[in-house]
N, C-alpha and C. Protein backbone atom coordinates (compact mmCIF):
# COMPACT_ATOMS: atom_id res chain seq x y z
N MET A 1 -51.58 61.37 -44.32
CA MET A 1 -50.25 60.81 -44.19
C MET A 1 -49.58 61.33 -42.91
N PRO A 2 -50.08 60.98 -41.76
CA PRO A 2 -49.47 61.47 -40.52
C PRO A 2 -48.07 60.90 -40.28
N VAL A 3 -47.30 61.63 -39.49
CA VAL A 3 -45.95 61.23 -39.09
C VAL A 3 -45.98 60.90 -37.60
N PHE A 4 -45.56 59.70 -37.26
CA PHE A 4 -45.44 59.26 -35.87
C PHE A 4 -44.05 59.67 -35.39
N ILE A 5 -43.98 60.44 -34.33
CA ILE A 5 -42.68 60.87 -33.79
C ILE A 5 -42.37 59.99 -32.58
N SER A 6 -41.31 59.20 -32.72
CA SER A 6 -40.87 58.28 -31.69
C SER A 6 -39.70 58.92 -30.95
N TYR A 7 -39.69 58.80 -29.62
CA TYR A 7 -38.61 59.42 -28.85
C TYR A 7 -38.59 58.87 -27.45
N ARG A 8 -37.47 58.98 -26.80
CA ARG A 8 -37.37 58.68 -25.38
C ARG A 8 -37.77 59.95 -24.65
N HIS A 9 -38.48 59.82 -23.57
CA HIS A 9 -39.03 61.01 -22.91
C HIS A 9 -37.95 62.00 -22.49
N MET A 10 -36.72 61.55 -22.29
CA MET A 10 -35.64 62.49 -21.99
C MET A 10 -35.33 63.40 -23.18
N ASP A 11 -35.73 62.98 -24.38
CA ASP A 11 -35.51 63.75 -25.60
C ASP A 11 -36.77 64.52 -26.02
N ARG A 12 -37.69 64.68 -25.08
CA ARG A 12 -38.96 65.33 -25.37
C ARG A 12 -38.81 66.73 -25.98
N PRO A 13 -37.89 67.59 -25.49
CA PRO A 13 -37.80 68.93 -26.10
C PRO A 13 -37.50 68.89 -27.61
N GLN A 14 -36.61 67.98 -28.02
CA GLN A 14 -36.31 67.87 -29.46
C GLN A 14 -37.52 67.32 -30.21
N ALA A 15 -38.21 66.36 -29.62
CA ALA A 15 -39.40 65.79 -30.28
C ALA A 15 -40.49 66.84 -30.44
N ILE A 16 -40.68 67.65 -29.40
CA ILE A 16 -41.69 68.71 -29.46
C ILE A 16 -41.32 69.75 -30.52
N ALA A 17 -40.04 70.09 -30.63
CA ALA A 17 -39.60 71.06 -31.64
C ALA A 17 -39.82 70.52 -33.05
N ILE A 18 -39.49 69.26 -33.27
CA ILE A 18 -39.71 68.65 -34.59
C ILE A 18 -41.21 68.59 -34.88
N ASN A 19 -41.99 68.19 -33.91
CA ASN A 19 -43.44 68.15 -34.07
C ASN A 19 -43.99 69.52 -34.47
N ALA A 20 -43.53 70.56 -33.79
CA ALA A 20 -43.99 71.92 -34.10
C ALA A 20 -43.62 72.31 -35.53
N ARG A 21 -42.40 71.97 -35.95
CA ARG A 21 -41.97 72.34 -37.31
C ARG A 21 -42.80 71.60 -38.36
N LEU A 22 -43.07 70.32 -38.13
CA LEU A 22 -43.88 69.57 -39.09
C LEU A 22 -45.30 70.10 -39.14
N GLN A 23 -45.86 70.43 -37.99
CA GLN A 23 -47.21 70.99 -37.97
C GLN A 23 -47.24 72.36 -38.65
N GLN A 24 -46.19 73.14 -38.47
CA GLN A 24 -46.09 74.44 -39.15
C GLN A 24 -46.11 74.24 -40.67
N ALA A 25 -45.57 73.12 -41.14
CA ALA A 25 -45.55 72.80 -42.56
C ALA A 25 -46.84 72.09 -43.00
N ASN A 26 -47.86 72.11 -42.11
CA ASN A 26 -49.16 71.48 -42.38
C ASN A 26 -49.07 69.97 -42.55
N ILE A 27 -48.17 69.35 -41.80
CA ILE A 27 -48.04 67.91 -41.79
C ILE A 27 -48.64 67.41 -40.48
N LYS A 28 -49.58 66.52 -40.59
CA LYS A 28 -50.23 65.96 -39.41
C LYS A 28 -49.24 65.02 -38.70
N THR A 29 -49.22 65.09 -37.38
CA THR A 29 -48.28 64.29 -36.60
C THR A 29 -48.98 63.57 -35.47
N TYR A 30 -48.28 62.58 -34.93
CA TYR A 30 -48.71 61.94 -33.69
C TYR A 30 -47.53 61.98 -32.72
N LEU A 31 -47.75 62.58 -31.56
CA LEU A 31 -46.75 62.67 -30.51
C LEU A 31 -47.45 62.26 -29.22
N ASP A 32 -47.01 61.18 -28.59
CA ASP A 32 -47.78 60.62 -27.48
C ASP A 32 -47.96 61.56 -26.30
N VAL A 33 -47.05 62.48 -26.09
CA VAL A 33 -47.20 63.41 -24.97
C VAL A 33 -48.45 64.27 -25.14
N LEU A 34 -48.92 64.42 -26.37
CA LEU A 34 -50.11 65.21 -26.64
C LEU A 34 -51.38 64.36 -26.68
N ASP A 35 -51.26 63.06 -26.45
CA ASP A 35 -52.38 62.13 -26.56
C ASP A 35 -52.83 61.71 -25.16
N PRO A 36 -53.99 62.20 -24.71
CA PRO A 36 -54.45 61.83 -23.37
C PRO A 36 -54.64 60.32 -23.19
N GLU A 37 -55.02 59.61 -24.26
CA GLU A 37 -55.22 58.17 -24.15
C GLU A 37 -53.91 57.46 -23.78
N SER A 38 -52.79 57.89 -24.36
CA SER A 38 -51.52 57.22 -24.06
C SER A 38 -51.08 57.50 -22.63
N GLN A 39 -51.62 58.51 -22.01
CA GLN A 39 -51.26 58.85 -20.64
C GLN A 39 -52.14 58.14 -19.60
N THR A 40 -53.28 57.59 -20.04
CA THR A 40 -54.25 57.06 -19.07
C THR A 40 -54.58 55.59 -19.25
N THR A 41 -53.97 54.91 -20.19
CA THR A 41 -54.35 53.52 -20.45
C THR A 41 -53.33 52.54 -19.88
N ASP A 42 -53.81 51.36 -19.59
CA ASP A 42 -52.91 50.27 -19.21
C ASP A 42 -52.38 49.55 -20.45
N ASP A 43 -53.01 49.78 -21.59
CA ASP A 43 -52.62 49.10 -22.84
C ASP A 43 -51.83 50.05 -23.74
N ILE A 44 -50.71 50.54 -23.23
CA ILE A 44 -49.90 51.49 -24.01
C ILE A 44 -49.39 50.84 -25.30
N THR A 45 -49.09 49.54 -25.26
CA THR A 45 -48.63 48.85 -26.46
C THR A 45 -49.70 48.90 -27.55
N GLY A 46 -50.95 48.66 -27.17
CA GLY A 46 -52.04 48.73 -28.13
C GLY A 46 -52.23 50.11 -28.71
N VAL A 47 -52.11 51.13 -27.87
CA VAL A 47 -52.25 52.52 -28.33
C VAL A 47 -51.13 52.85 -29.32
N ILE A 48 -49.91 52.48 -28.98
CA ILE A 48 -48.77 52.78 -29.87
C ILE A 48 -48.91 52.03 -31.18
N THR A 49 -49.22 50.75 -31.11
CA THR A 49 -49.36 49.96 -32.34
C THR A 49 -50.45 50.52 -33.24
N ARG A 50 -51.58 50.88 -32.65
CA ARG A 50 -52.67 51.46 -33.45
C ARG A 50 -52.25 52.77 -34.09
N ASN A 51 -51.58 53.62 -33.33
CA ASN A 51 -51.18 54.92 -33.88
C ASN A 51 -50.11 54.80 -34.95
N ILE A 52 -49.21 53.85 -34.83
CA ILE A 52 -48.24 53.61 -35.91
C ILE A 52 -48.97 53.14 -37.15
N SER A 53 -49.97 52.28 -36.99
CA SER A 53 -50.72 51.78 -38.15
C SER A 53 -51.51 52.89 -38.83
N GLU A 54 -51.80 53.96 -38.09
CA GLU A 54 -52.55 55.09 -38.66
C GLU A 54 -51.64 56.16 -39.24
N CYS A 55 -50.34 55.95 -39.17
CA CYS A 55 -49.36 56.90 -39.72
C CYS A 55 -48.64 56.26 -40.91
N THR A 56 -48.17 57.09 -41.81
CA THR A 56 -47.43 56.58 -42.95
C THR A 56 -45.92 56.71 -42.76
N HIS A 57 -45.50 57.56 -41.84
CA HIS A 57 -44.09 57.82 -41.60
C HIS A 57 -43.79 57.71 -40.11
N LEU A 58 -42.56 57.33 -39.79
CA LEU A 58 -42.08 57.34 -38.41
C LEU A 58 -40.76 58.08 -38.40
N LEU A 59 -40.67 59.08 -37.55
CA LEU A 59 -39.43 59.82 -37.37
C LEU A 59 -38.99 59.60 -35.93
N ALA A 60 -37.87 58.91 -35.75
CA ALA A 60 -37.37 58.56 -34.42
C ALA A 60 -36.30 59.57 -34.00
N VAL A 61 -36.53 60.22 -32.88
CA VAL A 61 -35.54 61.11 -32.28
C VAL A 61 -34.62 60.23 -31.45
N VAL A 62 -33.33 60.21 -31.80
CA VAL A 62 -32.40 59.30 -31.13
C VAL A 62 -31.21 60.06 -30.57
N SER A 63 -30.77 59.59 -29.40
CA SER A 63 -29.61 60.17 -28.73
C SER A 63 -28.90 59.05 -27.97
N GLU A 64 -27.87 59.41 -27.24
CA GLU A 64 -27.20 58.39 -26.43
C GLU A 64 -28.16 57.79 -25.40
N ARG A 65 -29.18 58.52 -25.02
CA ARG A 65 -30.17 58.03 -24.05
C ARG A 65 -31.14 57.02 -24.66
N THR A 66 -31.28 57.03 -25.98
CA THR A 66 -32.21 56.12 -26.65
C THR A 66 -31.80 54.67 -26.46
N ALA A 67 -30.51 54.43 -26.32
CA ALA A 67 -30.02 53.06 -26.15
C ALA A 67 -30.64 52.39 -24.92
N LEU A 68 -31.09 53.17 -23.98
CA LEU A 68 -31.69 52.63 -22.76
C LEU A 68 -33.21 52.49 -22.86
N SER A 69 -33.77 52.79 -24.01
CA SER A 69 -35.22 52.76 -24.20
C SER A 69 -35.65 51.44 -24.81
N TRP A 70 -36.74 50.92 -24.33
CA TRP A 70 -37.37 49.76 -24.95
C TRP A 70 -38.36 50.22 -26.02
N TRP A 71 -38.94 51.39 -25.85
CA TRP A 71 -40.04 51.82 -26.70
C TRP A 71 -39.60 52.25 -28.09
N VAL A 72 -38.53 53.02 -28.19
CA VAL A 72 -38.12 53.51 -29.51
C VAL A 72 -37.80 52.34 -30.45
N PRO A 73 -36.99 51.35 -30.04
CA PRO A 73 -36.77 50.20 -30.94
C PRO A 73 -38.06 49.44 -31.26
N PHE A 74 -38.95 49.32 -30.27
CA PHE A 74 -40.24 48.67 -30.51
C PHE A 74 -41.01 49.41 -31.59
N GLU A 75 -41.07 50.75 -31.48
CA GLU A 75 -41.82 51.54 -32.46
C GLU A 75 -41.19 51.46 -33.84
N ILE A 76 -39.86 51.48 -33.91
CA ILE A 76 -39.18 51.33 -35.21
C ILE A 76 -39.50 49.95 -35.79
N GLY A 77 -39.48 48.93 -34.95
CA GLY A 77 -39.82 47.58 -35.41
C GLY A 77 -41.24 47.50 -35.95
N GLU A 78 -42.18 48.09 -35.24
CA GLU A 78 -43.58 48.11 -35.71
C GLU A 78 -43.68 48.81 -37.07
N ALA A 79 -42.98 49.92 -37.21
CA ALA A 79 -43.02 50.66 -38.48
C ALA A 79 -42.35 49.87 -39.60
N THR A 80 -41.31 49.13 -39.28
CA THR A 80 -40.61 48.32 -40.28
C THR A 80 -41.50 47.21 -40.80
N ILE A 81 -42.19 46.54 -39.90
CA ILE A 81 -43.07 45.43 -40.28
C ILE A 81 -44.12 45.89 -41.29
N SER A 82 -44.61 47.11 -41.13
CA SER A 82 -45.67 47.61 -42.00
C SER A 82 -45.16 48.52 -43.11
N ASN A 83 -43.85 48.48 -43.37
CA ASN A 83 -43.25 49.24 -44.49
C ASN A 83 -43.54 50.73 -44.44
N ARG A 84 -43.52 51.29 -43.23
CA ARG A 84 -43.68 52.74 -43.10
C ARG A 84 -42.39 53.41 -43.54
N ARG A 85 -42.50 54.68 -43.88
CA ARG A 85 -41.30 55.47 -44.18
C ARG A 85 -40.66 55.78 -42.83
N ILE A 86 -39.38 55.51 -42.69
CA ILE A 86 -38.70 55.65 -41.41
C ILE A 86 -37.48 56.54 -41.57
N CYS A 87 -37.29 57.44 -40.62
CA CYS A 87 -36.11 58.29 -40.55
C CYS A 87 -35.71 58.40 -39.08
N SER A 88 -34.45 58.70 -38.85
CA SER A 88 -34.02 59.02 -37.49
C SER A 88 -33.51 60.45 -37.48
N PHE A 89 -33.67 61.09 -36.34
CA PHE A 89 -33.11 62.42 -36.13
C PHE A 89 -32.15 62.30 -34.95
N LYS A 90 -30.86 62.39 -35.24
CA LYS A 90 -29.83 62.21 -34.23
C LYS A 90 -29.58 63.51 -33.48
N THR A 91 -29.65 63.42 -32.15
CA THR A 91 -29.33 64.57 -31.31
C THR A 91 -28.06 64.23 -30.55
N GLY A 92 -27.11 65.12 -30.56
CA GLY A 92 -25.88 64.88 -29.81
C GLY A 92 -24.89 64.01 -30.56
N PRO A 93 -23.76 63.71 -29.90
CA PRO A 93 -22.64 63.04 -30.57
C PRO A 93 -22.70 61.51 -30.56
N ALA A 94 -23.71 60.92 -30.00
CA ALA A 94 -23.75 59.46 -29.84
C ALA A 94 -23.69 58.74 -31.18
N GLU A 95 -23.07 57.58 -31.16
CA GLU A 95 -23.10 56.69 -32.32
C GLU A 95 -24.47 56.01 -32.37
N LEU A 96 -25.02 55.91 -33.55
CA LEU A 96 -26.32 55.27 -33.70
C LEU A 96 -26.14 53.79 -34.01
N PRO A 97 -27.12 52.98 -33.63
CA PRO A 97 -27.04 51.55 -33.97
C PRO A 97 -26.97 51.36 -35.48
N LEU A 98 -26.24 50.36 -35.90
CA LEU A 98 -26.05 50.12 -37.33
C LEU A 98 -27.35 49.85 -38.07
N TYR A 99 -28.34 49.28 -37.39
CA TYR A 99 -29.59 48.98 -38.09
C TYR A 99 -30.29 50.24 -38.59
N LEU A 100 -29.97 51.40 -38.02
CA LEU A 100 -30.59 52.65 -38.49
C LEU A 100 -29.98 53.13 -39.81
N ASP A 101 -28.85 52.54 -40.23
CA ASP A 101 -28.22 52.93 -41.50
C ASP A 101 -29.12 52.64 -42.69
N LYS A 102 -30.07 51.76 -42.51
CA LYS A 102 -30.99 51.40 -43.60
C LYS A 102 -31.83 52.60 -44.05
N TRP A 103 -32.08 53.54 -43.14
CA TRP A 103 -32.97 54.66 -43.41
C TRP A 103 -32.24 55.99 -43.31
N PRO A 104 -32.86 57.05 -43.82
CA PRO A 104 -32.22 58.37 -43.73
C PRO A 104 -31.97 58.78 -42.29
N LYS A 105 -30.79 59.36 -42.06
CA LYS A 105 -30.42 59.86 -40.73
C LYS A 105 -30.32 61.37 -40.81
N LEU A 106 -31.20 62.04 -40.10
CA LEU A 106 -31.26 63.50 -40.08
C LEU A 106 -30.51 63.99 -38.85
N THR A 107 -29.85 65.15 -38.99
CA THR A 107 -29.08 65.67 -37.86
C THR A 107 -29.25 67.17 -37.66
N SER A 108 -29.99 67.84 -38.53
CA SER A 108 -30.06 69.30 -38.44
C SER A 108 -31.44 69.80 -38.86
N GLU A 109 -31.68 71.08 -38.60
CA GLU A 109 -32.94 71.69 -39.05
C GLU A 109 -33.05 71.63 -40.57
N LYS A 110 -31.92 71.78 -41.24
CA LYS A 110 -31.91 71.70 -42.71
C LYS A 110 -32.39 70.31 -43.17
N ASP A 111 -31.95 69.27 -42.46
CA ASP A 111 -32.39 67.92 -42.80
C ASP A 111 -33.89 67.74 -42.57
N ILE A 112 -34.42 68.39 -41.55
CA ILE A 112 -35.88 68.35 -41.32
C ILE A 112 -36.59 68.99 -42.51
N GLU A 113 -36.02 70.06 -43.04
CA GLU A 113 -36.60 70.69 -44.24
C GLU A 113 -36.56 69.73 -45.42
N PHE A 114 -35.46 68.97 -45.55
CA PHE A 114 -35.39 67.96 -46.62
C PHE A 114 -36.48 66.90 -46.43
N PHE A 115 -36.72 66.50 -45.18
CA PHE A 115 -37.78 65.54 -44.88
C PHE A 115 -39.13 66.12 -45.32
N ILE A 116 -39.37 67.37 -44.97
CA ILE A 116 -40.64 68.02 -45.35
C ILE A 116 -40.78 68.04 -46.86
N ASP A 117 -39.71 68.38 -47.57
CA ASP A 117 -39.75 68.39 -49.04
C ASP A 117 -40.04 66.99 -49.59
N ALA A 118 -39.38 65.96 -49.04
CA ALA A 118 -39.59 64.58 -49.51
C ALA A 118 -41.03 64.14 -49.23
N TYR A 119 -41.54 64.51 -48.08
CA TYR A 119 -42.92 64.19 -47.72
C TYR A 119 -43.88 64.83 -48.73
N ARG A 120 -43.68 66.10 -48.99
CA ARG A 120 -44.56 66.82 -49.94
C ARG A 120 -44.44 66.24 -51.34
N ASP A 121 -43.21 65.89 -51.75
CA ASP A 121 -43.00 65.30 -53.06
C ASP A 121 -43.78 63.99 -53.19
N GLU A 122 -43.77 63.22 -52.13
CA GLU A 122 -44.49 61.96 -52.14
C GLU A 122 -46.00 62.18 -52.27
N VAL A 123 -46.49 63.20 -51.61
CA VAL A 123 -47.92 63.52 -51.70
C VAL A 123 -48.27 63.97 -53.12
N THR A 124 -47.47 64.87 -53.68
CA THR A 124 -47.81 65.40 -55.01
C THR A 124 -47.59 64.37 -56.11
N SER A 125 -46.64 63.45 -55.94
CA SER A 125 -46.43 62.43 -56.97
C SER A 125 -47.32 61.22 -56.76
N LYS A 126 -48.17 61.29 -55.71
CA LYS A 126 -49.14 60.24 -55.41
C LYS A 126 -48.46 58.89 -55.13
N ARG A 127 -47.26 58.95 -54.51
CA ARG A 127 -46.59 57.72 -54.08
C ARG A 127 -46.96 57.38 -52.65
N SER A 128 -47.88 58.14 -52.10
CA SER A 128 -48.25 57.91 -50.71
C SER A 128 -49.07 56.64 -50.60
N MET A 129 -49.31 56.27 -49.36
CA MET A 129 -50.00 55.02 -49.09
C MET A 129 -51.38 55.29 -48.51
N ALA A 130 -52.33 54.48 -48.91
CA ALA A 130 -53.63 54.52 -48.27
C ALA A 130 -53.51 53.79 -46.94
N LEU A 131 -54.11 54.32 -45.90
CA LEU A 131 -53.97 53.72 -44.59
C LEU A 131 -54.94 52.58 -44.33
N ASP A 132 -55.91 52.40 -45.22
CA ASP A 132 -56.80 51.27 -45.02
C ASP A 132 -56.09 49.99 -45.46
N SER A 133 -56.77 48.89 -45.44
CA SER A 133 -56.09 47.62 -45.72
C SER A 133 -55.50 47.62 -47.13
N ILE A 134 -54.34 47.04 -47.20
CA ILE A 134 -53.63 46.96 -48.48
C ILE A 134 -53.69 45.51 -48.94
N ASN A 135 -54.16 45.31 -50.17
CA ASN A 135 -54.17 43.94 -50.64
C ASN A 135 -52.75 43.54 -51.07
N GLU A 136 -52.55 42.27 -51.27
CA GLU A 136 -51.21 41.74 -51.54
C GLU A 136 -50.57 42.37 -52.79
N SER A 137 -51.35 42.65 -53.82
CA SER A 137 -50.78 43.20 -55.04
C SER A 137 -50.24 44.62 -54.82
N LEU A 138 -50.83 45.35 -53.88
CA LEU A 138 -50.36 46.70 -53.61
C LEU A 138 -49.21 46.74 -52.60
N ARG A 139 -49.04 45.68 -51.83
CA ARG A 139 -48.00 45.64 -50.81
C ARG A 139 -46.61 45.84 -51.42
N GLY A 140 -46.34 45.17 -52.54
CA GLY A 140 -45.04 45.31 -53.21
C GLY A 140 -44.83 46.72 -53.73
N THR A 141 -45.87 47.32 -54.27
CA THR A 141 -45.79 48.70 -54.76
C THR A 141 -45.51 49.64 -53.60
N TYR A 142 -46.18 49.44 -52.48
CA TYR A 142 -45.95 50.31 -51.34
C TYR A 142 -44.52 50.19 -50.83
N LYS A 143 -44.00 48.97 -50.77
CA LYS A 143 -42.61 48.77 -50.33
C LYS A 143 -41.65 49.48 -51.28
N LYS A 144 -41.91 49.36 -52.58
CA LYS A 144 -41.07 50.02 -53.57
C LYS A 144 -41.12 51.54 -53.38
N ASN A 145 -42.32 52.09 -53.15
CA ASN A 145 -42.45 53.53 -52.94
C ASN A 145 -41.75 53.97 -51.66
N ALA A 146 -41.82 53.15 -50.62
CA ALA A 146 -41.10 53.46 -49.37
C ALA A 146 -39.60 53.48 -49.63
N ASP A 147 -39.11 52.52 -50.41
CA ASP A 147 -37.68 52.48 -50.74
C ASP A 147 -37.27 53.72 -51.53
N ILE A 148 -38.12 54.18 -52.45
CA ILE A 148 -37.84 55.40 -53.21
C ILE A 148 -37.73 56.59 -52.26
N PHE A 149 -38.68 56.71 -51.34
CA PHE A 149 -38.65 57.80 -50.36
C PHE A 149 -37.35 57.77 -49.58
N HIS A 150 -36.99 56.59 -49.05
CA HIS A 150 -35.76 56.47 -48.26
C HIS A 150 -34.52 56.82 -49.08
N ASP A 151 -34.42 56.25 -50.29
CA ASP A 151 -33.23 56.48 -51.13
C ASP A 151 -33.08 57.96 -51.51
N GLN A 152 -34.18 58.58 -51.91
CA GLN A 152 -34.10 59.98 -52.32
C GLN A 152 -33.76 60.89 -51.15
N LEU A 153 -34.35 60.65 -49.99
CA LEU A 153 -34.05 61.49 -48.83
C LEU A 153 -32.62 61.25 -48.35
N LYS A 154 -32.15 60.01 -48.32
CA LYS A 154 -30.77 59.73 -47.92
C LYS A 154 -29.79 60.45 -48.86
N SER A 155 -30.08 60.41 -50.13
CA SER A 155 -29.21 61.07 -51.11
C SER A 155 -29.18 62.58 -50.89
N ARG A 156 -30.32 63.17 -50.67
CA ARG A 156 -30.38 64.62 -50.48
C ARG A 156 -29.68 65.03 -49.18
N VAL A 157 -29.89 64.30 -48.12
CA VAL A 157 -29.21 64.60 -46.85
C VAL A 157 -27.70 64.44 -47.05
N GLY A 158 -27.29 63.41 -47.77
CA GLY A 158 -25.86 63.19 -48.03
C GLY A 158 -25.23 64.31 -48.83
N ARG A 159 -25.97 64.84 -49.80
CA ARG A 159 -25.47 65.95 -50.62
C ARG A 159 -25.51 67.27 -49.87
N GLY A 160 -26.48 67.40 -48.98
CA GLY A 160 -26.61 68.63 -48.21
C GLY A 160 -27.34 69.75 -48.94
N PHE A 161 -28.02 69.40 -50.04
CA PHE A 161 -28.83 70.41 -50.75
C PHE A 161 -29.96 69.73 -51.50
């Protein structure tokens, strides 16, 4: 159940810190700055799309600079189409686009810990998704499980405990 970390390169320090924390929690991640293929190919769209399809979660690092990015919205869109678990991590005081209200919005290290707990809960309760092809009968179940993940994490972040 890898986590795809989406970010604008200006927000790389925050993305690297989140990546390190998730890896410390034994959560596999994908961060393109660490992927030599994403640095050397002409088909960056294909690399990104493939890596999102190989991840079960997408965590988007967003700031006022993200509004100028084409890639972060593209990656969120790709994750949405395939019913991935999606969260944003807001850095700084910028207002986030309203479409991100659909998913949990993280803003602190404590919220990252809530994400880690929700991720682990999903693994232990076996609500996770198989990354191979999903037949139509399982698609609805996966969407429902993604909605449970989003609702529970949003609630916990909202409560602050």
